Full PDB file with SEQRES, HELIX, SHEET, SSBOND, CRYST1, ORIGX, SCALE, CONECT and MASTER records, all heavy atoms in Angstrom:
SEQRES   1 A   40  THR LEU ASN ARG ASN GLY ILE ALA GLY ALA ARG ARG LEU          
SEQRES   2 A   40  GLY VAL GLN PHE VAL GLN GLY GLU VAL VAL GLY LEU GLY          
SEQRES   3 A   40  MET ASP ASP THR TRP THR ARG PHE THR VAL ALA THR ALA          
SEQRES   4 A   40  ASP                                                          
HELIX    1 AA1 LEU A    2  LEU A   13  1                                  12    
SHEET    1 AA1 2 VAL A  22  MET A  27  0                                        
SHEET    2 AA1 2 PHE A  34  THR A  38 -1                                        
CRYST1    1.000    1.000    1.000  90.00  90.00  90.00 P 1           1          
ORIGX1      1.000000  0.000000  0.000000        0.00000                         
ORIGX2      0.000000  1.000000  0.000000        0.00000                         
ORIGX3      0.000000  0.000000  1.000000        0.00000                         
SCALE1      1.000000  0.000000  0.000000        0.00000                         
SCALE2      0.000000  1.000000  0.000000        0.00000                         
SCALE3      0.000000  0.000000  1.000000        0.00000                         
ATOM      1  N   THR A   1    -173.347  69.300 -86.876  1.00  0.00           N  
ATOM      2  CA  THR A   1    -173.901  70.529 -87.439  1.00  0.00           C  
ATOM      3  C   THR A   1    -174.980  71.111 -86.531  1.00  0.00           C  
ATOM      4  O   THR A   1    -175.011  72.320 -86.267  1.00  0.00           O  
ATOM      5  CB  THR A   1    -174.487  70.258 -88.831  1.00  0.00           C  
ATOM      6  OG1 THR A   1    -173.441  69.833 -89.706  1.00  0.00           O  
ATOM      7  CG2 THR A   1    -175.139  71.512 -89.401  1.00  0.00           C  
ATOM      8  N   LEU A   2    -175.884  70.254 -86.059  1.00  0.00           N  
ATOM      9  CA  LEU A   2    -176.957  70.709 -85.185  1.00  0.00           C  
ATOM     10  C   LEU A   2    -176.391  71.309 -83.901  1.00  0.00           C  
ATOM     11  O   LEU A   2    -176.837  72.365 -83.434  1.00  0.00           O  
ATOM     12  CB  LEU A   2    -177.883  69.532 -84.864  1.00  0.00           C  
ATOM     13  CG  LEU A   2    -179.275  69.868 -84.316  1.00  0.00           C  
ATOM     14  CD1 LEU A   2    -180.064  70.734 -85.284  1.00  0.00           C  
ATOM     15  CD2 LEU A   2    -180.035  68.587 -84.009  1.00  0.00           C  
ATOM     16  N   ASN A   3    -175.403  70.658 -83.345  1.00  0.00           N  
ATOM     17  CA  ASN A   3    -174.767  71.140 -82.127  1.00  0.00           C  
ATOM     18  C   ASN A   3    -174.071  72.475 -82.355  1.00  0.00           C  
ATOM     19  O   ASN A   3    -174.208  73.417 -81.560  1.00  0.00           O  
ATOM     20  CB  ASN A   3    -173.762  70.103 -81.630  1.00  0.00           C  
ATOM     21  CG  ASN A   3    -173.227  70.412 -80.260  1.00  0.00           C  
ATOM     22  OD1 ASN A   3    -173.961  70.392 -79.280  1.00  0.00           O  
ATOM     23  ND2 ASN A   3    -171.941  70.695 -80.169  1.00  0.00           N  
ATOM     24  N   ARG A   4    -173.335  72.574 -83.460  1.00  0.00           N  
ATOM     25  CA  ARG A   4    -172.611  73.804 -83.770  1.00  0.00           C  
ATOM     26  C   ARG A   4    -173.562  74.970 -83.983  1.00  0.00           C  
ATOM     27  O   ARG A   4    -173.333  76.093 -83.503  1.00  0.00           O  
ATOM     28  CB  ARG A   4    -171.730  73.587 -85.008  1.00  0.00           C  
ATOM     29  CG  ARG A   4    -170.874  74.797 -85.367  1.00  0.00           C  
ATOM     30  CD  ARG A   4    -169.905  74.481 -86.495  1.00  0.00           C  
ATOM     31  NE  ARG A   4    -170.590  74.103 -87.724  1.00  0.00           N  
ATOM     32  CZ  ARG A   4    -170.534  72.889 -88.252  1.00  0.00           C  
ATOM     33  NH1 ARG A   4    -169.844  71.930 -87.656  1.00  0.00           N  
ATOM     34  NH2 ARG A   4    -171.177  72.624 -89.384  1.00  0.00           N  
ATOM     35  N   ASN A   5    -174.670  74.721 -84.691  1.00  0.00           N  
ATOM     36  CA  ASN A   5    -175.646  75.786 -84.943  1.00  0.00           C  
ATOM     37  C   ASN A   5    -176.318  76.248 -83.650  1.00  0.00           C  
ATOM     38  O   ASN A   5    -176.586  77.441 -83.466  1.00  0.00           O  
ATOM     39  CB  ASN A   5    -176.705  75.301 -85.933  1.00  0.00           C  
ATOM     40  CG  ASN A   5    -176.167  75.140 -87.331  1.00  0.00           C  
ATOM     41  OD1 ASN A   5    -175.068  75.603 -87.650  1.00  0.00           O  
ATOM     42  ND2 ASN A   5    -176.910  74.449 -88.189  1.00  0.00           N  
ATOM     43  N   GLY A   6    -176.604  75.292 -82.757  1.00  0.00           N  
ATOM     44  CA  GLY A   6    -177.215  75.660 -81.488  1.00  0.00           C  
ATOM     45  C   GLY A   6    -176.318  76.560 -80.668  1.00  0.00           C  
ATOM     46  O   GLY A   6    -176.766  77.572 -80.107  1.00  0.00           O  
ATOM     47  N   ILE A   7    -175.050  76.207 -80.585  1.00  0.00           N  
ATOM     48  CA  ILE A   7    -174.091  77.016 -79.823  1.00  0.00           C  
ATOM     49  C   ILE A   7    -173.920  78.393 -80.451  1.00  0.00           C  
ATOM     50  O   ILE A   7    -173.858  79.416 -79.753  1.00  0.00           O  
ATOM     51  CB  ILE A   7    -172.743  76.279 -79.726  1.00  0.00           C  
ATOM     52  CG1 ILE A   7    -172.895  75.047 -78.816  1.00  0.00           C  
ATOM     53  CG2 ILE A   7    -171.645  77.196 -79.205  1.00  0.00           C  
ATOM     54  CD1 ILE A   7    -171.678  74.157 -78.763  1.00  0.00           C  
ATOM     55  N   ALA A   8    -173.887  78.444 -81.786  1.00  0.00           N  
ATOM     56  CA  ALA A   8    -173.746  79.735 -82.477  1.00  0.00           C  
ATOM     57  C   ALA A   8    -174.926  80.651 -82.153  1.00  0.00           C  
ATOM     58  O   ALA A   8    -174.752  81.860 -81.949  1.00  0.00           O  
ATOM     59  CB  ALA A   8    -173.645  79.509 -83.983  1.00  0.00           C  
ATOM     60  N   GLY A   9    -176.127  80.088 -82.093  1.00  0.00           N  
ATOM     61  CA  GLY A   9    -177.293  80.895 -81.763  1.00  0.00           C  
ATOM     62  C   GLY A   9    -177.235  81.450 -80.352  1.00  0.00           C  
ATOM     63  O   GLY A   9    -177.626  82.600 -80.099  1.00  0.00           O  
ATOM     64  N   ALA A  10    -176.727  80.652 -79.434  1.00  0.00           N  
ATOM     65  CA  ALA A  10    -176.601  81.112 -78.047  1.00  0.00           C  
ATOM     66  C   ALA A  10    -175.536  82.201 -77.937  1.00  0.00           C  
ATOM     67  O   ALA A  10    -175.719  83.198 -77.229  1.00  0.00           O  
ATOM     68  CB  ALA A  10    -176.258  79.932 -77.144  1.00  0.00           C  
ATOM     69  N   ARG A  11    -174.442  82.034 -78.639  1.00  0.00           N  
ATOM     70  CA  ARG A  11    -173.396  83.061 -78.624  1.00  0.00           C  
ATOM     71  C   ARG A  11    -173.925  84.390 -79.183  1.00  0.00           C  
ATOM     72  O   ARG A  11    -173.586  85.476 -78.687  1.00  0.00           O  
ATOM     73  CB  ARG A  11    -172.188  82.608 -79.449  1.00  0.00           C  
ATOM     74  CG  ARG A  11    -171.369  81.495 -78.813  1.00  0.00           C  
ATOM     75  CD  ARG A  11    -170.091  81.264 -79.603  1.00  0.00           C  
ATOM     76  NE  ARG A  11    -169.358  80.105 -79.170  1.00  0.00           N  
ATOM     77  CZ  ARG A  11    -168.525  80.067 -78.126  1.00  0.00           C  
ATOM     78  NH1 ARG A  11    -168.340  81.175 -77.416  1.00  0.00           N  
ATOM     79  NH2 ARG A  11    -167.891  78.955 -77.806  1.00  0.00           N  
ATOM     80  N   ARG A  12    -174.759  84.294 -80.212  1.00  0.00           N  
ATOM     81  CA  ARG A  12    -175.314  85.512 -80.821  1.00  0.00           C  
ATOM     82  C   ARG A  12    -176.125  86.324 -79.812  1.00  0.00           C  
ATOM     83  O   ARG A  12    -176.133  87.555 -79.853  1.00  0.00           O  
ATOM     84  CB  ARG A  12    -176.188  85.128 -82.021  1.00  0.00           C  
ATOM     85  CG  ARG A  12    -176.806  86.324 -82.758  1.00  0.00           C  
ATOM     86  CD  ARG A  12    -177.594  85.864 -83.972  1.00  0.00           C  
ATOM     87  NE  ARG A  12    -178.718  85.016 -83.589  1.00  0.00           N  
ATOM     88  CZ  ARG A  12    -179.909  85.493 -83.182  1.00  0.00           C  
ATOM     89  NH1 ARG A  12    -180.109  86.793 -83.101  1.00  0.00           N  
ATOM     90  NH2 ARG A  12    -180.881  84.655 -82.879  1.00  0.00           N  
ATOM     91  N   LEU A  13    -176.761  85.634 -78.879  1.00  0.00           N  
ATOM     92  CA  LEU A  13    -177.558  86.323 -77.860  1.00  0.00           C  
ATOM     93  C   LEU A  13    -176.709  86.854 -76.708  1.00  0.00           C  
ATOM     94  O   LEU A  13    -177.219  87.580 -75.850  1.00  0.00           O  
ATOM     95  CB  LEU A  13    -178.621  85.378 -77.294  1.00  0.00           C  
ATOM     96  CG  LEU A  13    -179.755  84.974 -78.231  1.00  0.00           C  
ATOM     97  CD1 LEU A  13    -180.754  84.096 -77.486  1.00  0.00           C  
ATOM     98  CD2 LEU A  13    -180.455  86.192 -78.803  1.00  0.00           C  
ATOM     99  N   GLY A  14    -175.448  86.475 -76.678  1.00  0.00           N  
ATOM    100  CA  GLY A  14    -174.578  86.954 -75.608  1.00  0.00           C  
ATOM    101  C   GLY A  14    -174.332  85.963 -74.488  1.00  0.00           C  
ATOM    102  O   GLY A  14    -173.795  86.333 -73.434  1.00  0.00           O  
ATOM    103  N   VAL A  15    -174.710  84.706 -74.696  1.00  0.00           N  
ATOM    104  CA  VAL A  15    -174.421  83.672 -73.697  1.00  0.00           C  
ATOM    105  C   VAL A  15    -172.912  83.455 -73.644  1.00  0.00           C  
ATOM    106  O   VAL A  15    -172.254  83.353 -74.680  1.00  0.00           O  
ATOM    107  CB  VAL A  15    -175.139  82.345 -74.056  1.00  0.00           C  
ATOM    108  CG1 VAL A  15    -174.691  81.217 -73.125  1.00  0.00           C  
ATOM    109  CG2 VAL A  15    -176.647  82.523 -73.984  1.00  0.00           C  
ATOM    110  N   GLN A  16    -172.371  83.398 -72.438  1.00  0.00           N  
ATOM    111  CA  GLN A  16    -170.945  83.182 -72.260  1.00  0.00           C  
ATOM    112  C   GLN A  16    -170.649  81.686 -72.166  1.00  0.00           C  
ATOM    113  O   GLN A  16    -171.446  80.921 -71.613  1.00  0.00           O  
ATOM    114  CB  GLN A  16    -170.455  83.874 -70.987  1.00  0.00           C  
ATOM    115  CG  GLN A  16    -170.665  85.382 -70.974  1.00  0.00           C  
ATOM    116  CD  GLN A  16    -169.902  86.081 -72.077  1.00  0.00           C  
ATOM    117  OE1 GLN A  16    -168.690  85.869 -72.233  1.00  0.00           O  
ATOM    118  NE2 GLN A  16    -170.596  86.906 -72.864  1.00  0.00           N  
ATOM    119  N   PHE A  17    -169.508  81.291 -72.705  1.00  0.00           N  
ATOM    120  CA  PHE A  17    -169.112  79.877 -72.673  1.00  0.00           C  
ATOM    121  C   PHE A  17    -167.763  79.734 -71.980  1.00  0.00           C  
ATOM    122  O   PHE A  17    -166.854  80.533 -72.205  1.00  0.00           O  
ATOM    123  CB  PHE A  17    -169.019  79.301 -74.087  1.00  0.00           C  
ATOM    124  CG  PHE A  17    -170.360  79.002 -74.698  1.00  0.00           C  
ATOM    125  CD1 PHE A  17    -171.123  80.018 -75.265  1.00  0.00           C  
ATOM    126  CD2 PHE A  17    -170.873  77.704 -74.695  1.00  0.00           C  
ATOM    127  CE1 PHE A  17    -172.370  79.754 -75.813  1.00  0.00           C  
ATOM    128  CE2 PHE A  17    -172.114  77.432 -75.251  1.00  0.00           C  
ATOM    129  CZ  PHE A  17    -172.864  78.453 -75.807  1.00  0.00           C  
ATOM    130  N   VAL A  18    -167.667  78.713 -71.132  1.00  0.00           N  
ATOM    131  CA  VAL A  18    -166.406  78.371 -70.481  1.00  0.00           C  
ATOM    132  C   VAL A  18    -166.021  76.972 -70.945  1.00  0.00           C  
ATOM    133  O   VAL A  18    -166.770  76.011 -70.743  1.00  0.00           O  
ATOM    134  CB  VAL A  18    -166.529  78.395 -68.939  1.00  0.00           C  
ATOM    135  CG1 VAL A  18    -165.256  77.840 -68.299  1.00  0.00           C  
ATOM    136  CG2 VAL A  18    -166.808  79.805 -68.454  1.00  0.00           C  
ATOM    137  N   GLN A  19    -164.869  76.877 -71.602  1.00  0.00           N  
ATOM    138  CA  GLN A  19    -164.384  75.594 -72.096  1.00  0.00           C  
ATOM    139  C   GLN A  19    -163.569  74.922 -71.006  1.00  0.00           C  
ATOM    140  O   GLN A  19    -162.600  75.478 -70.510  1.00  0.00           O  
ATOM    141  CB  GLN A  19    -163.511  75.799 -73.342  1.00  0.00           C  
ATOM    142  CG  GLN A  19    -162.983  74.513 -73.955  1.00  0.00           C  
ATOM    143  CD  GLN A  19    -163.996  73.832 -74.852  1.00  0.00           C  
ATOM    144  OE1 GLN A  19    -164.796  74.500 -75.498  1.00  0.00           O  
ATOM    145  NE2 GLN A  19    -163.953  72.508 -74.890  1.00  0.00           N  
ATOM    146  N   GLY A  20    -163.972  73.738 -70.606  1.00  0.00           N  
ATOM    147  CA  GLY A  20    -163.224  73.021 -69.580  1.00  0.00           C  
ATOM    148  C   GLY A  20    -164.099  72.018 -68.853  1.00  0.00           C  
ATOM    149  O   GLY A  20    -165.327  72.091 -68.902  1.00  0.00           O  
ATOM    150  N   GLU A  21    -163.467  71.107 -68.185  1.00  0.00           N  
ATOM    151  CA  GLU A  21    -164.169  70.050 -67.465  1.00  0.00           C  
ATOM    152  C   GLU A  21    -164.630  70.543 -66.100  1.00  0.00           C  
ATOM    153  O   GLU A  21    -163.831  71.073 -65.319  1.00  0.00           O  
ATOM    154  CB  GLU A  21    -163.239  68.849 -67.292  1.00  0.00           C  
ATOM    155  CG  GLU A  21    -163.867  67.688 -66.548  1.00  0.00           C  
ATOM    156  CD  GLU A  21    -162.891  66.553 -66.323  1.00  0.00           C  
ATOM    157  OE1 GLU A  21    -161.896  66.464 -67.083  1.00  0.00           O  
ATOM    158  OE2 GLU A  21    -163.128  65.756 -65.396  1.00  0.00           O  
ATOM    159  N   VAL A  22    -165.905  70.369 -65.798  1.00  0.00           N  
ATOM    160  CA  VAL A  22    -166.426  70.692 -64.474  1.00  0.00           C  
ATOM    161  C   VAL A  22    -166.085  69.534 -63.541  1.00  0.00           C  
ATOM    162  O   VAL A  22    -166.413  68.377 -63.816  1.00  0.00           O  
ATOM    163  CB  VAL A  22    -167.952  70.922 -64.515  1.00  0.00           C  
ATOM    164  CG1 VAL A  22    -168.519  71.042 -63.103  1.00  0.00           C  
ATOM    165  CG2 VAL A  22    -168.276  72.184 -65.313  1.00  0.00           C  
ATOM    166  N   VAL A  23    -165.433  69.859 -62.425  1.00  0.00           N  
ATOM    167  CA  VAL A  23    -165.010  68.810 -61.493  1.00  0.00           C  
ATOM    168  C   VAL A  23    -165.701  68.915 -60.140  1.00  0.00           C  
ATOM    169  O   VAL A  23    -165.564  68.021 -59.299  1.00  0.00           O  
ATOM    170  CB  VAL A  23    -163.476  68.848 -61.290  1.00  0.00           C  
ATOM    171  CG1 VAL A  23    -162.756  68.517 -62.582  1.00  0.00           C  
ATOM    172  CG2 VAL A  23    -163.020  70.208 -60.759  1.00  0.00           C  
ATOM    173  N   GLY A  24    -166.442  69.997 -59.900  1.00  0.00           N  
ATOM    174  CA  GLY A  24    -167.094  70.139 -58.605  1.00  0.00           C  
ATOM    175  C   GLY A  24    -168.273  71.085 -58.645  1.00  0.00           C  
ATOM    176  O   GLY A  24    -168.337  71.993 -59.471  1.00  0.00           O  
ATOM    177  N   LEU A  25    -169.232  70.850 -57.755  1.00  0.00           N  
ATOM    178  CA  LEU A  25    -170.407  71.697 -57.609  1.00  0.00           C  
ATOM    179  C   LEU A  25    -170.723  71.795 -56.125  1.00  0.00           C  
ATOM    180  O   LEU A  25    -170.758  70.785 -55.421  1.00  0.00           O  
ATOM    181  CB  LEU A  25    -171.599  71.099 -58.367  1.00  0.00           C  
ATOM    182  CG  LEU A  25    -172.954  71.800 -58.204  1.00  0.00           C  
ATOM    183  CD1 LEU A  25    -172.902  73.217 -58.742  1.00  0.00           C  
ATOM    184  CD2 LEU A  25    -174.056  70.992 -58.905  1.00  0.00           C  
ATOM    185  N   GLY A  26    -170.932  73.016 -55.638  1.00  0.00           N  
ATOM    186  CA  GLY A  26    -171.226  73.200 -54.219  1.00  0.00           C  
ATOM    187  C   GLY A  26    -171.837  74.556 -53.954  1.00  0.00           C  
ATOM    188  O   GLY A  26    -172.414  75.175 -54.854  1.00  0.00           O  
ATOM    189  N   MET A  27    -171.715  75.024 -52.712  1.00  0.00           N  
ATOM    190  CA  MET A  27    -172.220  76.327 -52.320  1.00  0.00           C  
ATOM    191  C   MET A  27    -171.055  77.179 -51.828  1.00  0.00           C  
ATOM    192  O   MET A  27    -170.028  76.645 -51.372  1.00  0.00           O  
ATOM    193  CB  MET A  27    -173.259  76.194 -51.197  1.00  0.00           C  
ATOM    194  CG  MET A  27    -174.466  75.340 -51.558  1.00  0.00           C  
ATOM    195  SD  MET A  27    -175.463  75.998 -52.913  1.00  0.00           S  
ATOM    196  CE  MET A  27    -176.203  77.441 -52.149  1.00  0.00           C  
ATOM    197  N   ASP A  28    -171.214  78.494 -51.896  1.00  0.00           N  
ATOM    198  CA  ASP A  28    -170.145  79.378 -51.419  1.00  0.00           C  
ATOM    199  C   ASP A  28    -170.170  79.450 -49.889  1.00  0.00           C  
ATOM    200  O   ASP A  28    -170.987  78.792 -49.227  1.00  0.00           O  
ATOM    201  CB  ASP A  28    -170.243  80.757 -52.061  1.00  0.00           C  
ATOM    202  CG  ASP A  28    -171.476  81.541 -51.613  1.00  0.00           C  
ATOM    203  OD1 ASP A  28    -172.229  81.053 -50.737  1.00  0.00           O  
ATOM    204  OD2 ASP A  28    -171.696  82.648 -52.135  1.00  0.00           O  
ATOM    205  N   ASP A  29    -169.287  80.266 -49.320  1.00  0.00           N  
ATOM    206  CA  ASP A  29    -169.150  80.342 -47.864  1.00  0.00           C  
ATOM    207  C   ASP A  29    -170.407  80.884 -47.180  1.00  0.00           C  
ATOM    208  O   ASP A  29    -170.637  80.616 -46.002  1.00  0.00           O  
ATOM    209  CB  ASP A  29    -167.948  81.222 -47.493  1.00  0.00           C  
ATOM    210  CG  ASP A  29    -166.619  80.586 -47.896  1.00  0.00           C  
ATOM    211  OD1 ASP A  29    -166.599  79.351 -48.066  1.00  0.00           O  
ATOM    212  OD2 ASP A  29    -165.630  81.328 -48.047  1.00  0.00           O  
ATOM    213  N   THR A  30    -171.206  81.642 -47.923  1.00  0.00           N  
ATOM    214  CA  THR A  30    -172.420  82.210 -47.334  1.00  0.00           C  
ATOM    215  C   THR A  30    -173.617  81.279 -47.482  1.00  0.00           C  
ATOM    216  O   THR A  30    -174.683  81.540 -46.943  1.00  0.00           O  
ATOM    217  CB  THR A  30    -172.765  83.555 -48.005  1.00  0.00           C  
ATOM    218  OG1 THR A  30    -173.133  83.329 -49.381  1.00  0.00           O  
ATOM    219  CG2 THR A  30    -171.584  84.509 -47.964  1.00  0.00           C  
ATOM    220  N   TRP A  31    -173.446  80.195 -48.238  1.00  0.00           N  
ATOM    221  CA  TRP A  31    -174.520  79.234 -48.513  1.00  0.00           C  
ATOM    222  C   TRP A  31    -175.717  79.897 -49.187  1.00  0.00           C  
ATOM    223  O   TRP A  31    -176.855  79.479 -49.022  1.00  0.00           O  
ATOM    224  CB  TRP A  31    -174.960  78.510 -47.230  1.00  0.00           C  
ATOM    225  CG  TRP A  31    -173.969  77.470 -46.829  1.00  0.00           C  
ATOM    226  CD1 TRP A  31    -172.864  77.666 -46.052  1.00  0.00           C  
ATOM    227  CD2 TRP A  31    -173.939  76.095 -47.233  1.00  0.00           C  
ATOM    228  NE1 TRP A  31    -172.148  76.492 -45.942  1.00  0.00           N  
ATOM    229  CE2 TRP A  31    -172.781  75.513 -46.636  1.00  0.00           C  
ATOM    230  CE3 TRP A  31    -174.776  75.307 -48.013  1.00  0.00           C  
ATOM    231  CZ2 TRP A  31    -172.453  74.178 -46.819  1.00  0.00           C  
ATOM    232  CZ3 TRP A  31    -174.456  73.969 -48.183  1.00  0.00           C  
ATOM    233  CH2 TRP A  31    -173.298  73.423 -47.599  1.00  0.00           C  
ATOM    234  N   THR A  32    -175.449  80.960 -49.964  1.00  0.00           N  
ATOM    235  CA  THR A  32    -176.519  81.625 -50.704  1.00  0.00           C  
ATOM    236  C   THR A  32    -176.336  81.527 -52.204  1.00  0.00           C  
ATOM    237  O   THR A  32    -177.269  81.789 -52.959  1.00  0.00           O  
ATOM    238  CB  THR A  32    -176.598  83.119 -50.323  1.00  0.00           C  
ATOM    239  OG1 THR A  32    -175.347  83.755 -50.637  1.00  0.00           O  
ATOM    240  CG2 THR A  32    -176.892  83.283 -48.833  1.00  0.00           C  
ATOM    241  N   ARG A  33    -175.140  81.154 -52.657  1.00  0.00           N  
ATOM    242  CA  ARG A  33    -174.860  81.052 -54.083  1.00  0.00           C  
ATOM    243  C   ARG A  33    -174.176  79.724 -54.397  1.00  0.00           C  
ATOM    244  O   ARG A  33    -173.474  79.158 -53.555  1.00  0.00           O  
ATOM    245  CB  ARG A  33    -173.979  82.211 -54.571  1.00  0.00           C  
ATOM    246  CG  ARG A  33    -174.505  83.596 -54.243  1.00  0.00           C  
ATOM    247  CD  ARG A  33    -173.745  84.664 -54.987  1.00  0.00           C  
ATOM    248  NE  ARG A  33    -174.229  84.815 -56.350  1.00  0.00           N  
ATOM    249  CZ  ARG A  33    -173.492  85.297 -57.356  1.00  0.00           C  
ATOM    250  NH1 ARG A  33    -172.232  85.616 -57.162  1.00  0.00           N  
ATOM    251  NH2 ARG A  33    -174.009  85.430 -58.559  1.00  0.00           N  
ATOM    252  N   PHE A  34    -174.393  79.262 -55.604  1.00  0.00           N  
ATOM    253  CA  PHE A  34    -173.774  78.024 -56.059  1.00  0.00           C  
ATOM    254  C   PHE A  34    -172.353  78.308 -56.540  1.00  0.00           C  
ATOM    255  O   PHE A  34    -172.050  79.409 -57.016  1.00  0.00           O  
ATOM    256  CB  PHE A  34    -174.574  77.419 -57.212  1.00  0.00           C  
ATOM    257  CG  PHE A  34    -175.910  76.877 -56.817  1.00  0.00           C  
ATOM    258  CD1 PHE A  34    -177.045  77.690 -56.832  1.00  0.00           C  
ATOM    259  CD2 PHE A  34    -176.059  75.547 -56.441  1.00  0.00           C  
ATOM    260  CE1 PHE A  34    -178.282  77.188 -56.475  1.00  0.00           C  
ATOM    261  CE2 PHE A  34    -177.293  75.041 -56.083  1.00  0.00           C  
ATOM    262  CZ  PHE A  34    -178.406  75.860 -56.097  1.00  0.00           C  
ATOM    263  N   THR A  35    -171.499  77.290 -56.448  1.00  0.00           N  
ATOM    264  CA  THR A  35    -170.155  77.386 -57.018  1.00  0.00           C  
ATOM    265  C   THR A  35    -169.942  76.216 -57.972  1.00  0.00           C  
ATOM    266  O   THR A  35    -170.311  75.081 -57.666  1.00  0.00           O  
ATOM    267  CB  THR A  35    -169.057  77.351 -55.932  1.00  0.00           C  
ATOM    268  OG1 THR A  35    -169.112  76.101 -55.240  1.00  0.00           O  
ATOM    269  CG2 THR A  35    -169.238  78.484 -54.938  1.00  0.00           C  
ATOM    270  N   VAL A  36    -169.375  76.515 -59.117  1.00  0.00           N  
ATOM    271  CA  VAL A  36    -169.008  75.495 -60.102  1.00  0.00           C  
ATOM    272  C   VAL A  36    -167.499  75.559 -60.278  1.00  0.00           C  
ATOM    273  O   VAL A  36    -166.951  76.623 -60.583  1.00  0.00           O  
ATOM    274  CB  VAL A  36    -169.715  75.731 -61.453  1.00  0.00           C  
ATOM    275  CG1 VAL A  36    -169.160  74.784 -62.517  1.00  0.00           C  
ATOM    276  CG2 VAL A  36    -171.216  75.545 -61.313  1.00  0.00           C  
ATOM    277  N   ALA A  37    -166.843  74.449 -60.044  1.00  0.00           N  
ATOM    278  CA  ALA A  37    -165.385  74.404 -60.151  1.00  0.00           C  
ATOM    279  C   ALA A  37    -164.968  73.651 -61.403  1.00  0.00           C  
ATOM    280  O   ALA A  37    -165.465  72.553 -61.678  1.00  0.00           O  
ATOM    281  CB  ALA A  37    -164.787  73.735 -58.919  1.00  0.00           C  
ATOM    282  N   THR A  38    -164.070  74.254 -62.174  1.00  0.00           N  
ATOM    283  CA  THR A  38    -163.417  73.561 -63.271  1.00  0.00           C  
ATOM    284  C   THR A  38    -162.008  73.214 -62.811  1.00  0.00           C  
ATOM    285  O   THR A  38    -161.619  73.522 -61.686  1.00  0.00           O  
ATOM    286  CB  THR A  38    -163.350  74.433 -64.531  1.00  0.00           C  
ATOM    287  OG1 THR A  38    -162.469  75.547 -64.283  1.00  0.00           O  
ATOM    288  CG2 THR A  38    -164.729  74.957 -64.915  1.00  0.00           C  
ATOM    289  N   ALA A  39    -161.246  72.589 -63.655  1.00  0.00           N  
ATOM    290  CA  ALA A  39    -159.874  72.241 -63.286  1.00  0.00           C  
ATOM    291  C   ALA A  39    -159.027  73.487 -63.085  1.00  0.00           C  
ATOM    292  O   ALA A  39    -157.991  73.436 -62.409  1.00  0.00           O  
ATOM    293  CB  ALA A  39    -159.254  71.357 -64.360  1.00  0.00           C  
ATOM    294  N   ASP A  40    -159.468  74.643 -63.631  1.00  0.00           N  
ATOM    295  CA  ASP A  40    -158.643  75.849 -63.608  1.00  0.00           C  
ATOM    296  C   ASP A  40    -159.200  76.990 -62.767  1.00  0.00           C  
ATOM    297  O   ASP A  40    -158.454  77.871 -62.358  1.00  0.00           O  
ATOM    298  CB  ASP A  40    -158.444  76.383 -65.034  1.00  0.00           C  
ATOM    299  CG  ASP A  40    -157.826  75.342 -65.958  1.00  0.00           C  
ATOM    300  OD1 ASP A  40    -156.846  74.711 -65.547  1.00  0.00           O  
ATOM    301  OD2 ASP A  40    -158.343  75.160 -67.074  1.00  0.00           O  
TER     302      ASP A  40                                                      
MASTER        0    0    0    1    2    0    0    6  301    1    0    4          
END                                                                             
């Protein structure tokens, strides 16, 4: 319940959610931005 309510509050503010497993974290080709890779 606590978890569900927390997520609902974030959605109400406009936070975007991506459902999926994160499999990688790195930098882009310019080395100025982060990249987060999911399976998809």
